[in-house]
């Protein structure tokens, strides 16, 4: 064998080997595409199944609320000189026409005291309405009252003040504390 034959033989071996590699490399992208396609189909199918399952369950109940006071309010009353103690929230002509309910939590500090709390709304149109909460408990209790119970207000579009009032004639003790928390309006 001469050099020319050796070169031709080596070239043939090399070219055959490189053409086999190219054929093998062409097979991998198709395999990769197929695996990717199957994965996408599985993910899509599982997503549809999960959504169908979630839609069969009852939707959770939630309230759309506007928190008027994030802090605990404290009415510390002493009726020696005064006849009533007022804590009010300035609502700055807030539009509450899209809301239907006032909600808050309430408790008293003294076990023995029997307290009634007056809750009052005042509007920019000088409309005023009140509602009394009697027998305030010693432990936190949540209260909700519909705006329809505040009969003296016809237009809720410009509410200026929400007041919480403890009056001397609505308590058995002359001194005490009332706590109010989670003051909110609910749609």
Protein backbone atom coordinates (compact mmCIF):
# COMPACT_ATOMS: atom_id res chain seq x y z
CA UNK A 1 0.00 0.00 0.00
CA UNK A 2 1.27 3.33 -0.87
CA UNK A 3 0.68 6.63 0.79
CA UNK A 4 -2.15 7.55 -1.54
CA UNK A 5 -4.07 4.38 -0.70
CA UNK A 6 -3.52 4.93 3.02
CA UNK A 7 -4.82 8.51 2.81
CA UNK A 8 -7.87 7.41 0.83
CA UNK A 9 -8.55 4.59 3.27
CA UNK A 10 -8.25 6.95 6.29
CA UNK A 11 -10.39 9.57 4.56
CA UNK A 12 -13.06 6.98 3.85
CA UNK A 13 -13.04 5.80 7.48
CA UNK A 14 -13.16 9.41 8.73
CA UNK A 15 -15.93 10.45 6.33
CA UNK A 16 -18.03 7.36 7.14
CA UNK A 17 -17.58 8.03 10.85
CA UNK A 18 -18.49 11.72 10.54
CA UNK A 19 -21.58 10.98 8.44
CA UNK A 20 -22.75 8.49 11.11
CA UNK A 21 -22.28 11.18 13.81
CA UNK A 22 -24.32 13.64 11.80
CA UNK A 23 -27.09 11.09 11.47
CA UNK A 24 -27.04 10.43 15.22
CA UNK A 25 -27.06 14.16 16.03
CA UNK A 26 -30.06 14.66 13.78
CA UNK A 27 -32.00 12.09 15.83
CA UNK A 28 -31.51 13.88 19.17
CA UNK A 29 -33.26 17.15 18.28
CA UNK A 30 -36.35 15.20 17.19
CA UNK A 31 -36.30 13.24 20.42
CA UNK A 32 -35.90 16.46 22.40
CA UNK A 33 -38.78 18.06 20.49
CA UNK A 34 -40.99 15.04 21.15
CA UNK A 35 -40.20 15.02 24.89
CA UNK A 36 -40.88 18.77 25.09
CA UNK A 37 -44.16 18.41 23.21
CA UNK A 38 -45.33 15.55 25.44
CA UNK A 39 -44.37 17.57 28.54
CA UNK A 40 -46.34 20.59 27.36
CA UNK A 41 -49.40 18.44 26.63
CA UNK A 42 -49.19 16.87 30.10
CA UNK A 43 -48.81 20.25 31.83
CA UNK A 44 -51.73 21.70 29.87
CA UNK A 45 -53.90 18.66 30.61
CA UNK A 46 -53.11 18.75 34.33
CA UNK A 47 -53.81 22.49 34.45
CA UNK A 48 -57.21 22.03 32.85
CA UNK A 49 -58.04 19.20 35.25
CA UNK A 50 -56.97 21.29 38.26
CA UNK A 51 -59.04 24.27 37.14
CA UNK A 52 -62.08 22.07 36.61
CA UNK A 53 -61.66 20.65 40.12
CA UNK A 54 -61.28 24.10 41.69
CA UNK A 55 -64.38 25.43 39.93
CA UNK A 56 -66.51 22.63 41.40
CA UNK A 57 -65.68 23.76 44.96
CA UNK A 58 -67.65 26.54 46.61
CA UNK A 59 -65.94 29.92 46.35
CA UNK A 60 -64.71 31.20 49.69
CA UNK A 61 -66.71 33.93 51.36
CA UNK A 62 -64.94 37.23 51.62
CA UNK A 63 -65.94 40.73 52.51
CA UNK A 64 -64.85 43.81 50.65
CA UNK A 65 -63.99 46.17 53.44
CA UNK A 66 -62.55 49.59 54.11
CA UNK A 67 -60.76 49.78 57.45
CA UNK A 68 -61.53 53.06 59.17
CA UNK A 69 -59.27 52.54 62.17
CA UNK A 70 -56.48 49.95 62.27
CA UNK A 71 -55.72 50.64 65.94
CA UNK A 72 -57.62 49.69 69.07
CA UNK A 73 -59.65 52.68 70.24
CA UNK A 74 -59.94 53.31 73.96
CA UNK A 75 -62.71 55.34 75.55
CA UNK A 76 -61.61 56.06 79.10
CA UNK A 77 -64.57 57.70 80.81
CA UNK A 78 -64.81 59.51 84.15
CA UNK A 79 -68.18 61.14 84.81
CA UNK A 80 -67.25 63.39 87.72
CA UNK A 81 -67.17 66.62 85.73
CA UNK A 82 -68.38 65.36 82.36
CA UNK A 83 -71.69 63.86 81.31
CA UNK A 84 -70.44 61.94 78.25
CA UNK A 85 -67.20 60.78 76.68
CA UNK A 86 -66.79 60.84 72.88
CA UNK A 87 -64.24 59.25 70.59
CA UNK A 88 -64.73 60.16 66.96
CA UNK A 89 -63.10 59.34 63.65
CA UNK A 90 -62.88 62.23 61.19
CA UNK A 91 -63.91 60.68 57.86
CA UNK A 92 -63.23 63.84 55.83
CA UNK A 93 -66.38 63.64 53.66
CA UNK A 94 -65.77 59.99 52.78
CA UNK A 95 -68.11 58.47 50.19
CA UNK A 96 -69.73 55.45 51.85
CA UNK A 97 -72.61 55.12 49.38
CA UNK A 98 -71.19 51.86 47.98
CA UNK A 99 -70.98 50.26 51.43
CA UNK A 100 -73.82 48.62 53.33
CA UNK A 101 -72.58 47.72 56.82
CA UNK A 102 -70.55 49.08 59.72
CA UNK A 103 -68.50 46.49 61.60
CA UNK A 104 -66.33 46.63 64.72
CA UNK A 105 -65.30 44.62 67.77
CA UNK A 106 -66.14 45.81 71.25
CA UNK A 107 -65.42 45.00 74.92
CA UNK A 108 -65.47 46.67 78.33
CA UNK A 109 -62.76 46.57 80.99
CA UNK A 110 -64.91 46.28 84.13
CA UNK A 111 -66.87 43.03 84.69
CA UNK A 112 -69.50 44.67 86.87
CA UNK A 113 -70.24 47.72 84.75
CA UNK A 114 -73.32 47.72 82.52
CA UNK A 115 -72.56 49.98 79.56
CA UNK A 116 -74.46 51.04 76.45
CA UNK A 117 -72.47 52.58 73.60
CA UNK A 118 -73.95 55.08 71.17
CA UNK A 119 -72.58 54.92 67.61
CA UNK A 120 -73.29 57.99 65.50
CA UNK A 121 -72.72 59.02 61.87
CA UNK A 122 -72.76 62.67 60.75
CA UNK A 123 -72.71 63.78 57.11
CA UNK A 124 -71.63 67.00 55.40
CA UNK A 125 -75.34 67.72 54.86
CA UNK A 126 -75.84 67.87 58.66
CA UNK A 127 -77.72 64.58 58.66
CA UNK A 128 -77.15 62.68 61.87
CA UNK A 129 -78.17 59.20 62.96
CA UNK A 130 -77.32 56.99 65.90
CA UNK A 131 -77.59 53.42 67.08
CA UNK A 132 -77.17 52.02 70.63
CA UNK A 133 -75.28 48.86 71.54
CA UNK A 134 -76.39 47.62 74.96
CA UNK A 135 -74.85 45.15 77.38
CA UNK A 136 -71.29 45.37 76.09
CA UNK A 137 -69.45 42.14 77.03
CA UNK A 138 -66.20 41.79 78.96
CA UNK A 139 -64.65 39.73 76.13
CA UNK A 140 -64.24 40.84 72.51
CA UNK A 141 -67.40 40.52 70.46
CA UNK A 142 -67.81 41.44 66.80
CA UNK A 143 -70.78 43.61 65.82
CA UNK A 144 -72.19 44.43 62.38
CA UNK A 145 -75.00 46.85 61.68
CA UNK A 146 -76.58 47.71 58.34
CA UNK A 147 -76.57 51.33 57.28
CA UNK A 148 -80.34 51.05 56.91
CA UNK A 149 -80.52 51.03 60.76
CA UNK A 150 -79.16 54.59 60.70
CA UNK A 151 -82.49 56.00 59.52
CA UNK A 152 -81.61 59.69 59.80
CA UNK A 153 -79.16 59.56 56.90
CA UNK A 154 -80.44 59.56 53.34
CA UNK A 155 -77.18 60.38 51.49
CA UNK A 156 -74.03 58.43 52.38
CA UNK A 157 -71.84 60.15 49.76
CA UNK A 158 -70.18 62.67 52.13
CA UNK A 159 -69.81 61.26 55.64
CA UNK A 160 -67.77 63.52 57.90
CA UNK A 161 -67.70 61.74 61.26
CA UNK A 162 -68.17 58.41 62.99
CA UNK A 163 -68.47 58.80 66.76
CA UNK A 164 -68.48 56.33 69.64
CA UNK A 165 -70.10 57.83 72.73
CA UNK A 166 -70.42 56.66 76.33
CA UNK A 167 -73.00 58.66 78.28
CA UNK A 168 -73.34 58.90 82.06
CA UNK A 169 -76.96 57.73 82.09
CA UNK A 170 -76.02 54.61 80.06
CA UNK A 171 -73.52 53.17 82.57
CA UNK A 172 -73.83 51.85 86.11
CA UNK A 173 -70.31 52.96 87.11
CA UNK A 174 -68.93 56.50 86.98
CA UNK A 175 -65.51 55.37 85.69
CA UNK A 176 -64.50 52.73 83.19
CA UNK A 177 -62.95 51.81 79.86
CA UNK A 178 -64.47 50.64 76.59
CA UNK A 179 -62.27 49.21 73.84
CA UNK A 180 -63.19 49.31 70.14
CA UNK A 181 -61.21 47.47 67.47
CA UNK A 182 -61.34 46.60 63.78
CA UNK A 183 -63.62 49.50 62.81
CA UNK A 184 -64.59 48.96 59.17
CA UNK A 185 -67.28 49.43 56.56
CA UNK A 186 -68.33 46.44 54.47
CA UNK A 187 -69.76 46.26 50.95
